[in-house]
Amino acid sequence: MIKPVMRIIAVLIMITLAAGCVGRRAASWKPVDTAHRKHPQTAGLPSSWLFYDDKAAARQLVLTRHGPYMDVIRITTGQKLPVQMPYADLSISAGMQTYEIAEVVMNNLRVTPGVFDLLVEELAPAEIDGKEAFRLSLSYSLENGIRRRCLILGTIHGGGKQYTELAMYAHEDYYFDEVIEDFLGMVKKVRVR
């Protein structure tokens, strides 16, 4: 009785594996040195960084150095206002002050599933390509108890019609300090219109 069940399971596993190998995937991790023309802000990042090449997500750039569960940089450029937050019933709208945008971003993160014990470490003014921005430093726990730190910068630009956000998330104990300088160097190179 057990043998037929095991055969069925083995066949299902083989079909699943074959289906994953047959089709060409639309997205994959690639070295940043292949991305600098498509994403100029990656120029200058060490070759150890990878970007997620996803043609469907043209406005979002996702990068990692040690793996997406250890550290990740997300750069979302030129989002048309208003920008609706995915987890909070809030949005970023034209005419908002930078501290108001930071509060919307923070409150969205506060209600994000899997985020616990959110602590605000810093909320300060900043600049992105000479434009007034906010700098928000936070830490929070994941469901497994691991603590993450994040640094988020955001600005409204393009005549008050677009929003750009630069964010880095990393495990607090080791990876955050390991990648923060690369992220800050990248922030200096980002250009917004």
N, C-alpha and C. Protein backbone atom coordinates (compact mmCIF):
# COMPACT_ATOMS: atom_id res chain seq x y z
N MET A 1 0.82 -1.19 0.00
CA MET A 1 0.00 0.00 0.00
C MET A 1 0.87 1.26 0.00
N ILE A 2 1.99 1.22 0.69
CA ILE A 2 2.86 2.39 0.77
C ILE A 2 3.59 2.61 -0.55
N LYS A 3 3.98 1.54 -1.24
CA LYS A 3 4.73 1.68 -2.48
C LYS A 3 3.99 2.49 -3.54
N PRO A 4 2.71 2.26 -3.83
CA PRO A 4 2.04 3.08 -4.83
C PRO A 4 2.00 4.57 -4.44
N VAL A 5 1.81 4.84 -3.17
CA VAL A 5 1.78 6.23 -2.71
C VAL A 5 3.15 6.87 -2.93
N MET A 6 4.22 6.15 -2.64
CA MET A 6 5.57 6.66 -2.82
C MET A 6 5.85 6.91 -4.31
N ARG A 7 5.38 6.03 -5.17
CA ARG A 7 5.56 6.21 -6.62
C ARG A 7 4.85 7.48 -7.10
N ILE A 8 3.63 7.68 -6.63
CA ILE A 8 2.88 8.87 -7.02
C ILE A 8 3.61 10.13 -6.57
N ILE A 9 4.10 10.12 -5.33
CA ILE A 9 4.83 11.28 -4.82
C ILE A 9 6.08 11.52 -5.63
N ALA A 10 6.82 10.45 -5.96
CA ALA A 10 8.05 10.58 -6.76
C ALA A 10 7.74 11.15 -8.14
N VAL A 11 6.66 10.69 -8.77
CA VAL A 11 6.28 11.19 -10.08
C VAL A 11 5.90 12.66 -10.00
N LEU A 12 5.15 13.06 -8.98
CA LEU A 12 4.77 14.46 -8.81
C LEU A 12 6.00 15.35 -8.60
N ILE A 13 6.94 14.87 -7.83
CA ILE A 13 8.18 15.64 -7.61
C ILE A 13 8.94 15.80 -8.91
N MET A 14 9.05 14.72 -9.69
CA MET A 14 9.76 14.79 -10.97
C MET A 14 9.07 15.74 -11.95
N ILE A 15 7.75 15.73 -11.99
CA ILE A 15 7.01 16.62 -12.88
C ILE A 15 7.24 18.07 -12.47
N THR A 16 7.20 18.32 -11.16
CA THR A 16 7.43 19.68 -10.66
C THR A 16 8.83 20.16 -11.01
N LEU A 17 9.83 19.32 -10.81
CA LEU A 17 11.21 19.70 -11.12
C LEU A 17 11.38 19.91 -12.63
N ALA A 18 10.79 19.05 -13.43
CA ALA A 18 10.91 19.20 -14.88
C ALA A 18 10.23 20.47 -15.36
N ALA A 19 9.09 20.80 -14.78
CA ALA A 19 8.39 22.03 -15.19
C ALA A 19 9.24 23.26 -14.88
N GLY A 20 9.97 23.23 -13.80
CA GLY A 20 10.83 24.36 -13.46
C GLY A 20 12.03 24.47 -14.38
N CYS A 21 12.47 23.40 -14.96
CA CYS A 21 13.65 23.41 -15.83
C CYS A 21 13.31 23.67 -17.29
N VAL A 22 12.09 23.39 -17.70
CA VAL A 22 11.74 23.50 -19.11
C VAL A 22 11.61 24.95 -19.55
N GLY A 23 10.82 25.72 -18.83
CA GLY A 23 10.58 27.10 -19.23
C GLY A 23 11.71 28.03 -18.85
N ARG A 24 11.91 29.08 -19.64
CA ARG A 24 12.92 30.08 -19.32
C ARG A 24 12.29 31.08 -18.37
N ARG A 25 12.98 31.37 -17.28
CA ARG A 25 12.45 32.29 -16.28
C ARG A 25 12.65 33.73 -16.73
N ALA A 26 11.65 34.58 -16.42
CA ALA A 26 11.69 35.98 -16.82
C ALA A 26 12.59 36.81 -15.91
N ALA A 27 12.92 36.29 -14.71
CA ALA A 27 13.72 37.07 -13.77
C ALA A 27 14.80 36.18 -13.18
N SER A 28 15.96 36.80 -12.90
CA SER A 28 17.04 36.06 -12.28
C SER A 28 18.03 37.03 -11.65
N TRP A 29 18.90 36.52 -10.78
CA TRP A 29 19.93 37.33 -10.13
C TRP A 29 21.15 37.41 -11.05
N LYS A 30 21.63 38.64 -11.28
CA LYS A 30 22.79 38.85 -12.16
C LYS A 30 23.78 39.79 -11.49
N PRO A 31 25.07 39.70 -11.82
CA PRO A 31 26.06 40.61 -11.24
C PRO A 31 25.78 42.06 -11.63
N VAL A 32 26.05 42.99 -10.69
CA VAL A 32 25.74 44.40 -10.97
C VAL A 32 26.58 44.95 -12.10
N ASP A 33 27.74 44.39 -12.38
CA ASP A 33 28.54 44.95 -13.47
C ASP A 33 27.87 44.76 -14.82
N THR A 34 26.83 43.95 -14.89
CA THR A 34 26.06 43.81 -16.14
C THR A 34 24.85 44.74 -16.14
N ALA A 35 24.64 45.49 -15.05
CA ALA A 35 23.43 46.30 -14.92
C ALA A 35 23.65 47.79 -15.03
N HIS A 36 24.89 48.23 -15.02
CA HIS A 36 25.11 49.67 -14.89
C HIS A 36 24.55 50.50 -16.03
N ARG A 37 24.37 49.95 -17.20
CA ARG A 37 23.77 50.72 -18.29
C ARG A 37 22.26 50.84 -18.11
N LYS A 38 21.64 49.75 -17.69
CA LYS A 38 20.20 49.74 -17.47
C LYS A 38 19.84 50.49 -16.18
N HIS A 39 20.67 50.36 -15.17
CA HIS A 39 20.46 51.01 -13.87
C HIS A 39 21.73 51.76 -13.49
N PRO A 40 21.89 52.99 -13.94
CA PRO A 40 23.14 53.73 -13.72
C PRO A 40 23.54 53.86 -12.26
N GLN A 41 22.57 53.83 -11.33
CA GLN A 41 22.92 53.99 -9.93
C GLN A 41 23.71 52.81 -9.36
N THR A 42 23.79 51.70 -10.11
CA THR A 42 24.59 50.57 -9.63
C THR A 42 26.07 50.73 -9.94
N ALA A 43 26.42 51.70 -10.78
CA ALA A 43 27.84 51.92 -11.11
C ALA A 43 28.60 52.24 -9.83
N GLY A 44 29.71 51.60 -9.63
CA GLY A 44 30.51 51.83 -8.44
C GLY A 44 30.26 50.82 -7.33
N LEU A 45 29.17 50.07 -7.41
CA LEU A 45 28.96 49.01 -6.41
C LEU A 45 29.98 47.91 -6.64
N PRO A 46 30.45 47.27 -5.58
CA PRO A 46 31.39 46.15 -5.77
C PRO A 46 30.77 45.03 -6.60
N SER A 47 31.59 44.30 -7.29
CA SER A 47 31.09 43.23 -8.16
C SER A 47 30.43 42.10 -7.38
N SER A 48 30.58 42.09 -6.06
CA SER A 48 29.95 41.04 -5.25
C SER A 48 28.44 41.25 -5.11
N TRP A 49 27.92 42.40 -5.53
CA TRP A 49 26.49 42.65 -5.46
C TRP A 49 25.78 42.05 -6.68
N LEU A 50 24.54 41.62 -6.47
CA LEU A 50 23.70 41.08 -7.53
C LEU A 50 22.44 41.91 -7.64
N PHE A 51 21.89 42.00 -8.85
CA PHE A 51 20.59 42.66 -9.00
C PHE A 51 19.59 41.65 -9.55
N TYR A 52 18.34 41.85 -9.18
CA TYR A 52 17.27 40.97 -9.62
C TYR A 52 16.76 41.50 -10.95
N ASP A 53 17.07 40.81 -12.02
CA ASP A 53 16.71 41.24 -13.36
C ASP A 53 15.29 40.77 -13.66
N ASP A 54 14.35 41.68 -13.41
CA ASP A 54 12.95 41.38 -13.63
C ASP A 54 12.38 42.43 -14.58
N LYS A 55 12.16 42.02 -15.80
CA LYS A 55 11.70 42.96 -16.82
C LYS A 55 10.33 43.53 -16.51
N ALA A 56 9.53 42.81 -15.74
CA ALA A 56 8.19 43.30 -15.41
C ALA A 56 8.23 44.43 -14.38
N ALA A 57 9.29 44.52 -13.59
CA ALA A 57 9.40 45.54 -12.54
C ALA A 57 10.38 46.61 -12.98
N ALA A 58 10.03 47.34 -14.01
CA ALA A 58 10.95 48.32 -14.60
C ALA A 58 11.29 49.46 -13.65
N ARG A 59 10.40 49.84 -12.77
CA ARG A 59 10.63 50.98 -11.88
C ARG A 59 11.28 50.58 -10.56
N GLN A 60 11.44 49.30 -10.29
CA GLN A 60 12.05 48.88 -9.03
C GLN A 60 13.31 48.08 -9.29
N LEU A 61 14.36 48.46 -8.59
CA LEU A 61 15.63 47.76 -8.66
C LEU A 61 15.87 47.09 -7.31
N VAL A 62 16.12 45.80 -7.31
CA VAL A 62 16.37 45.04 -6.08
C VAL A 62 17.78 44.47 -6.17
N LEU A 63 18.58 44.71 -5.12
CA LEU A 63 19.97 44.26 -5.08
C LEU A 63 20.23 43.50 -3.79
N THR A 64 21.21 42.61 -3.82
CA THR A 64 21.64 41.92 -2.61
C THR A 64 23.13 41.60 -2.72
N ARG A 65 23.76 41.47 -1.59
CA ARG A 65 25.18 41.07 -1.57
C ARG A 65 25.34 39.66 -1.01
N HIS A 66 24.64 39.37 0.08
CA HIS A 66 24.77 38.07 0.75
C HIS A 66 23.56 37.18 0.55
N GLY A 67 22.54 37.67 -0.10
CA GLY A 67 21.30 36.93 -0.29
C GLY A 67 20.13 37.77 0.20
N PRO A 68 18.97 37.66 -0.44
CA PRO A 68 17.86 38.55 -0.13
C PRO A 68 17.31 38.42 1.29
N TYR A 69 17.60 37.31 1.97
CA TYR A 69 17.15 37.19 3.36
C TYR A 69 18.14 37.79 4.33
N MET A 70 19.34 38.08 3.86
CA MET A 70 20.38 38.66 4.73
C MET A 70 20.45 40.17 4.57
N ASP A 71 20.46 40.63 3.32
CA ASP A 71 20.49 42.06 3.04
C ASP A 71 19.86 42.32 1.67
N VAL A 72 19.17 43.44 1.57
CA VAL A 72 18.54 43.78 0.31
C VAL A 72 18.45 45.31 0.20
N ILE A 73 18.69 45.80 -0.99
CA ILE A 73 18.50 47.21 -1.31
C ILE A 73 17.37 47.27 -2.33
N ARG A 74 16.41 48.16 -2.09
CA ARG A 74 15.31 48.38 -3.03
C ARG A 74 15.30 49.84 -3.43
N ILE A 75 15.37 50.07 -4.71
CA ILE A 75 15.30 51.42 -5.24
C ILE A 75 14.08 51.48 -6.16
N THR A 76 13.12 52.30 -5.77
CA THR A 76 11.91 52.46 -6.56
C THR A 76 11.88 53.90 -7.05
N THR A 77 11.99 54.09 -8.34
CA THR A 77 12.12 55.44 -8.90
C THR A 77 10.87 55.85 -9.66
N GLY A 78 10.61 57.14 -9.64
CA GLY A 78 9.59 57.73 -10.49
C GLY A 78 8.19 57.20 -10.35
N GLN A 79 7.75 56.87 -9.13
CA GLN A 79 6.37 56.43 -8.95
C GLN A 79 5.45 57.64 -9.06
N LYS A 80 4.40 57.53 -9.85
CA LYS A 80 3.47 58.64 -10.01
C LYS A 80 2.62 58.78 -8.74
N LEU A 81 2.46 60.03 -8.32
CA LEU A 81 1.66 60.32 -7.14
C LEU A 81 0.17 60.34 -7.50
N PRO A 82 -0.70 59.94 -6.59
CA PRO A 82 -0.41 59.45 -5.25
C PRO A 82 0.06 57.99 -5.27
N VAL A 83 0.89 57.63 -4.28
CA VAL A 83 1.39 56.27 -4.12
C VAL A 83 0.67 55.64 -2.94
N GLN A 84 -0.12 54.61 -3.20
CA GLN A 84 -0.86 53.91 -2.16
C GLN A 84 0.06 52.92 -1.46
N MET A 85 0.07 52.94 -0.14
CA MET A 85 0.88 51.99 0.63
C MET A 85 0.22 50.61 0.58
N PRO A 86 1.04 49.55 0.52
CA PRO A 86 0.46 48.21 0.36
C PRO A 86 -0.24 47.66 1.61
N TYR A 87 0.15 48.08 2.82
CA TYR A 87 -0.41 47.48 4.03
C TYR A 87 -1.22 48.45 4.88
N ALA A 88 -0.98 49.73 4.76
CA ALA A 88 -1.73 50.73 5.52
C ALA A 88 -2.66 51.47 4.57
N ASP A 89 -3.76 51.94 5.11
CA ASP A 89 -4.70 52.71 4.29
C ASP A 89 -4.23 54.16 4.23
N LEU A 90 -3.02 54.33 3.72
CA LEU A 90 -2.36 55.63 3.62
C LEU A 90 -1.74 55.77 2.24
N SER A 91 -1.50 57.00 1.84
CA SER A 91 -0.83 57.21 0.56
C SER A 91 0.09 58.42 0.66
N ILE A 92 1.05 58.46 -0.25
CA ILE A 92 1.96 59.59 -0.39
C ILE A 92 1.39 60.45 -1.52
N SER A 93 1.15 61.72 -1.20
CA SER A 93 0.50 62.61 -2.15
C SER A 93 1.35 63.84 -2.41
N ALA A 94 1.09 64.48 -3.53
CA ALA A 94 1.77 65.73 -3.87
C ALA A 94 1.53 66.76 -2.77
N GLY A 95 2.54 67.55 -2.49
CA GLY A 95 2.43 68.61 -1.50
C GLY A 95 2.76 68.20 -0.08
N MET A 96 3.00 66.90 0.15
CA MET A 96 3.34 66.46 1.51
C MET A 96 4.75 66.92 1.86
N GLN A 97 4.95 67.23 3.14
CA GLN A 97 6.27 67.54 3.66
C GLN A 97 7.06 66.24 3.81
N THR A 98 8.38 66.32 3.83
CA THR A 98 9.19 65.10 3.90
C THR A 98 8.92 64.31 5.17
N TYR A 99 8.70 64.99 6.32
CA TYR A 99 8.43 64.25 7.56
C TYR A 99 7.08 63.55 7.49
N GLU A 100 6.11 64.12 6.75
CA GLU A 100 4.81 63.46 6.58
C GLU A 100 4.96 62.19 5.74
N ILE A 101 5.79 62.25 4.71
CA ILE A 101 6.04 61.06 3.88
C ILE A 101 6.69 59.98 4.74
N ALA A 102 7.67 60.37 5.55
CA ALA A 102 8.35 59.41 6.42
C ALA A 102 7.37 58.74 7.38
N GLU A 103 6.42 59.49 7.90
CA GLU A 103 5.42 58.91 8.80
C GLU A 103 4.55 57.89 8.08
N VAL A 104 4.18 58.18 6.84
CA VAL A 104 3.38 57.24 6.05
C VAL A 104 4.18 55.95 5.83
N VAL A 105 5.45 56.09 5.44
CA VAL A 105 6.31 54.92 5.20
C VAL A 105 6.46 54.11 6.49
N MET A 106 6.71 54.81 7.60
CA MET A 106 6.89 54.14 8.89
C MET A 106 5.61 53.41 9.31
N ASN A 107 4.46 54.06 9.18
CA ASN A 107 3.21 53.42 9.58
C ASN A 107 2.86 52.24 8.70
N ASN A 108 3.24 52.28 7.42
CA ASN A 108 3.04 51.13 6.56
C ASN A 108 3.90 49.95 7.02
N LEU A 109 5.16 50.24 7.37
CA LEU A 109 6.04 49.18 7.85
C LEU A 109 5.53 48.62 9.18
N ARG A 110 4.98 49.47 10.02
CA ARG A 110 4.48 49.05 11.33
C ARG A 110 3.38 47.99 11.21
N VAL A 111 2.54 48.07 10.16
CA VAL A 111 1.44 47.12 10.00
C VAL A 111 1.75 46.03 8.96
N THR A 112 2.99 45.98 8.48
CA THR A 112 3.38 44.95 7.52
C THR A 112 3.38 43.58 8.21
N PRO A 113 2.75 42.57 7.61
CA PRO A 113 2.76 41.24 8.22
C PRO A 113 4.18 40.74 8.44
N GLY A 114 4.42 40.14 9.60
CA GLY A 114 5.74 39.58 9.92
C GLY A 114 6.70 40.58 10.56
N VAL A 115 6.28 41.83 10.74
CA VAL A 115 7.12 42.86 11.38
C VAL A 115 6.61 43.07 12.80
N PHE A 116 7.53 42.96 13.78
CA PHE A 116 7.17 43.11 15.19
C PHE A 116 8.16 44.04 15.87
N ASP A 117 7.71 44.68 16.93
CA ASP A 117 8.57 45.48 17.80
C ASP A 117 9.36 46.52 17.01
N LEU A 118 8.65 47.33 16.22
CA LEU A 118 9.27 48.35 15.38
C LEU A 118 9.78 49.49 16.25
N LEU A 119 11.05 49.86 16.08
CA LEU A 119 11.66 50.97 16.81
C LEU A 119 12.21 51.98 15.82
N VAL A 120 11.85 53.25 16.01
CA VAL A 120 12.39 54.32 15.18
C VAL A 120 13.69 54.78 15.82
N GLU A 121 14.79 54.67 15.08
CA GLU A 121 16.10 55.08 15.59
C GLU A 121 16.42 56.52 15.20
N GLU A 122 15.98 56.94 14.00
CA GLU A 122 16.29 58.28 13.52
C GLU A 122 15.28 58.69 12.46
N LEU A 123 14.87 59.94 12.52
CA LEU A 123 14.10 60.57 11.45
C LEU A 123 14.75 61.94 11.26
N ALA A 124 15.36 62.13 10.09
CA ALA A 124 16.13 63.35 9.85
C ALA A 124 15.97 63.79 8.41
N PRO A 125 16.22 65.07 8.14
CA PRO A 125 16.23 65.53 6.75
C PRO A 125 17.44 64.97 6.02
N ALA A 126 17.31 64.84 4.71
CA ALA A 126 18.39 64.31 3.88
C ALA A 126 18.24 64.91 2.49
N GLU A 127 19.10 64.47 1.57
CA GLU A 127 19.02 64.88 0.17
C GLU A 127 19.22 63.68 -0.73
N ILE A 128 18.49 63.69 -1.82
CA ILE A 128 18.70 62.73 -2.90
C ILE A 128 18.86 63.57 -4.16
N ASP A 129 20.03 63.54 -4.73
CA ASP A 129 20.32 64.31 -5.95
C ASP A 129 19.95 65.79 -5.79
N GLY A 130 20.27 66.35 -4.62
CA GLY A 130 20.00 67.76 -4.36
C GLY A 130 18.56 68.08 -4.01
N LYS A 131 17.69 67.07 -4.00
CA LYS A 131 16.29 67.28 -3.67
C LYS A 131 16.08 66.98 -2.18
N GLU A 132 15.18 67.77 -1.56
CA GLU A 132 14.85 67.57 -0.15
C GLU A 132 14.26 66.17 0.03
N ALA A 133 14.76 65.46 1.04
CA ALA A 133 14.32 64.09 1.28
C ALA A 133 14.26 63.84 2.78
N PHE A 134 13.79 62.65 3.14
CA PHE A 134 13.84 62.22 4.54
C PHE A 134 14.78 61.04 4.65
N ARG A 135 15.30 60.84 5.86
CA ARG A 135 16.16 59.70 6.19
C ARG A 135 15.53 59.07 7.43
N LEU A 136 15.09 57.82 7.28
CA LEU A 136 14.39 57.11 8.34
C LEU A 136 15.15 55.83 8.66
N SER A 137 15.61 55.74 9.89
CA SER A 137 16.33 54.55 10.35
C SER A 137 15.46 53.82 11.36
N LEU A 138 15.22 52.54 11.10
CA LEU A 138 14.33 51.73 11.94
C LEU A 138 14.96 50.37 12.23
N SER A 139 14.43 49.72 13.25
CA SER A 139 14.76 48.31 13.46
C SER A 139 13.48 47.59 13.88
N TYR A 140 13.43 46.31 13.59
CA TYR A 140 12.25 45.52 13.94
C TYR A 140 12.65 44.05 14.01
N SER A 141 11.77 43.27 14.62
CA SER A 141 11.99 41.82 14.73
C SER A 141 11.12 41.11 13.70
N LEU A 142 11.64 39.99 13.21
CA LEU A 142 10.87 39.12 12.33
C LEU A 142 10.20 38.05 13.18
N GLU A 143 9.34 37.25 12.57
CA GLU A 143 8.64 36.20 13.31
C GLU A 143 9.59 35.22 13.99
N ASN A 144 10.75 34.97 13.36
CA ASN A 144 11.72 34.02 13.93
C ASN A 144 12.60 34.65 15.00
N GLY A 145 12.35 35.94 15.35
CA GLY A 145 13.10 36.60 16.40
C GLY A 145 14.34 37.33 15.93
N ILE A 146 14.73 37.14 14.69
CA ILE A 146 15.90 37.83 14.15
C ILE A 146 15.56 39.31 13.98
N ARG A 147 16.48 40.14 14.35
CA ARG A 147 16.27 41.59 14.30
C ARG A 147 16.85 42.14 12.99
N ARG A 148 16.11 43.01 12.34
CA ARG A 148 16.55 43.67 11.10
C ARG A 148 16.62 45.17 11.34
N ARG A 149 17.54 45.79 10.65
CA ARG A 149 17.61 47.25 10.63
C ARG A 149 17.37 47.70 9.20
N CYS A 150 16.78 48.87 9.06
CA CYS A 150 16.59 49.40 7.72
C CYS A 150 16.84 50.90 7.72
N LEU A 151 17.29 51.36 6.58
CA LEU A 151 17.51 52.77 6.34
C LEU A 151 16.74 53.11 5.07
N ILE A 152 15.81 54.05 5.18
CA ILE A 152 14.95 54.41 4.06
C ILE A 152 15.09 55.90 3.79
N LEU A 153 15.30 56.26 2.54
CA LEU A 153 15.32 57.65 2.11
C LEU A 153 14.27 57.82 1.02
N GLY A 154 13.57 58.96 1.05
CA GLY A 154 12.55 59.18 0.05
C GLY A 154 12.40 60.65 -0.28
N THR A 155 11.94 60.94 -1.50
CA THR A 155 11.75 62.31 -1.94
C THR A 155 10.64 62.40 -2.98
N ILE A 156 9.94 63.53 -2.95
CA ILE A 156 9.00 63.87 -4.02
C ILE A 156 9.75 64.77 -4.98
N HIS A 157 9.61 64.53 -6.28
CA HIS A 157 10.35 65.29 -7.29
C HIS A 157 9.53 65.34 -8.57
N GLY A 158 10.17 65.76 -9.65
CA GLY A 158 9.48 65.83 -10.93
C GLY A 158 8.33 66.81 -10.91
N GLY A 159 8.58 67.99 -10.34
CA GLY A 159 7.52 68.99 -10.25
C GLY A 159 6.43 68.60 -9.27
N GLY A 160 6.79 67.78 -8.27
CA GLY A 160 5.82 67.34 -7.26
C GLY A 160 4.89 66.25 -7.73
N LYS A 161 5.28 65.53 -8.79
CA LYS A 161 4.40 64.50 -9.36
C LYS A 161 4.92 63.07 -9.20
N GLN A 162 6.17 62.92 -8.71
CA GLN A 162 6.76 61.58 -8.61
C GLN A 162 7.40 61.38 -7.24
N TYR A 163 7.50 60.10 -6.85
CA TYR A 163 8.11 59.73 -5.58
C TYR A 163 9.19 58.68 -5.84
N THR A 164 10.37 58.88 -5.25
CA THR A 164 11.46 57.90 -5.32
C THR A 164 11.84 57.50 -3.91
N GLU A 165 12.06 56.20 -3.72
CA GLU A 165 12.45 55.68 -2.41
C GLU A 165 13.65 54.77 -2.55
N LEU A 166 14.63 54.96 -1.67
CA LEU A 166 15.82 54.12 -1.60
C LEU A 166 15.81 53.46 -0.23
N ALA A 167 15.87 52.16 -0.17
CA ALA A 167 15.77 51.47 1.12
C ALA A 167 16.76 50.31 1.19
N MET A 168 17.33 50.13 2.38
CA MET A 168 18.21 49.00 2.64
C MET A 168 17.71 48.28 3.89
N TYR A 169 17.55 46.97 3.79
CA TYR A 169 17.12 46.13 4.90
C TYR A 169 18.19 45.07 5.11
N ALA A 170 18.62 44.87 6.36
CA ALA A 170 19.65 43.86 6.61
C ALA A 170 19.55 43.36 8.05
N HIS A 171 20.03 42.14 8.27
CA HIS A 171 20.09 41.61 9.63
C HIS A 171 20.96 42.53 10.48
N GLU A 172 20.47 42.84 11.65
CA GLU A 172 21.11 43.83 12.53
C GLU A 172 22.50 43.39 13.00
N ASP A 173 22.65 42.14 13.35
CA ASP A 173 23.89 41.69 14.01
C ASP A 173 25.14 41.83 13.16
N TYR A 174 25.07 41.50 11.89
CA TYR A 174 26.30 41.50 11.10
C TYR A 174 26.14 42.22 9.76
N TYR A 175 25.11 41.89 9.03
CA TYR A 175 25.02 42.32 7.64
C TYR A 175 24.78 43.81 7.47
N PHE A 176 24.06 44.46 8.40
CA PHE A 176 23.79 45.89 8.25
C PHE A 176 25.10 46.68 8.19
N ASP A 177 25.97 46.48 9.15
CA ASP A 177 27.26 47.19 9.15
C ASP A 177 28.13 46.81 7.96
N GLU A 178 27.95 45.61 7.46
CA GLU A 178 28.74 45.12 6.33
C GLU A 178 28.38 45.82 5.02
N VAL A 179 27.11 46.22 4.87
CA VAL A 179 26.67 46.75 3.57
C VAL A 179 26.27 48.23 3.58
N ILE A 180 26.24 48.87 4.74
CA ILE A 180 25.74 50.25 4.82
C ILE A 180 26.56 51.21 3.96
N GLU A 181 27.87 51.08 3.94
CA GLU A 181 28.69 52.01 3.15
C GLU A 181 28.42 51.88 1.66
N ASP A 182 28.21 50.65 1.19
CA ASP A 182 27.87 50.45 -0.22
C ASP A 182 26.55 51.14 -0.54
N PHE A 183 25.57 51.00 0.35
CA PHE A 183 24.27 51.63 0.13
C PHE A 183 24.39 53.15 0.11
N LEU A 184 25.09 53.72 1.08
CA LEU A 184 25.23 55.18 1.13
C LEU A 184 25.98 55.72 -0.08
N GLY A 185 26.98 54.96 -0.57
CA GLY A 185 27.67 55.34 -1.80
C GLY A 185 26.73 55.34 -2.99
N MET A 186 25.83 54.38 -3.00
CA MET A 186 24.86 54.30 -4.08
C MET A 186 23.88 55.46 -4.03
N VAL A 187 23.46 55.83 -2.80
CA VAL A 187 22.53 56.95 -2.63
C VAL A 187 23.11 58.22 -3.24
N LYS A 188 24.41 58.42 -3.08
CA LYS A 188 25.07 59.62 -3.62
C LYS A 188 25.02 59.67 -5.14
N LYS A 189 24.91 58.51 -5.80
CA LYS A 189 24.93 58.45 -7.26
C LYS A 189 23.55 58.47 -7.91
N VAL A 190 22.51 58.28 -7.11
CA VAL A 190 21.16 58.23 -7.67
C VAL A 190 20.78 59.60 -8.21
N ARG A 191 20.21 59.61 -9.39
CA ARG A 191 19.74 60.83 -10.03
C ARG A 191 18.23 60.76 -10.21
N VAL A 192 17.56 61.85 -9.79
CA VAL A 192 16.12 61.95 -10.00
C VAL A 192 15.83 63.23 -10.76
N ARG A 193 14.78 63.24 -11.53
CA ARG A 193 14.43 64.42 -12.36
C ARG A 193 13.28 65.18 -11.76
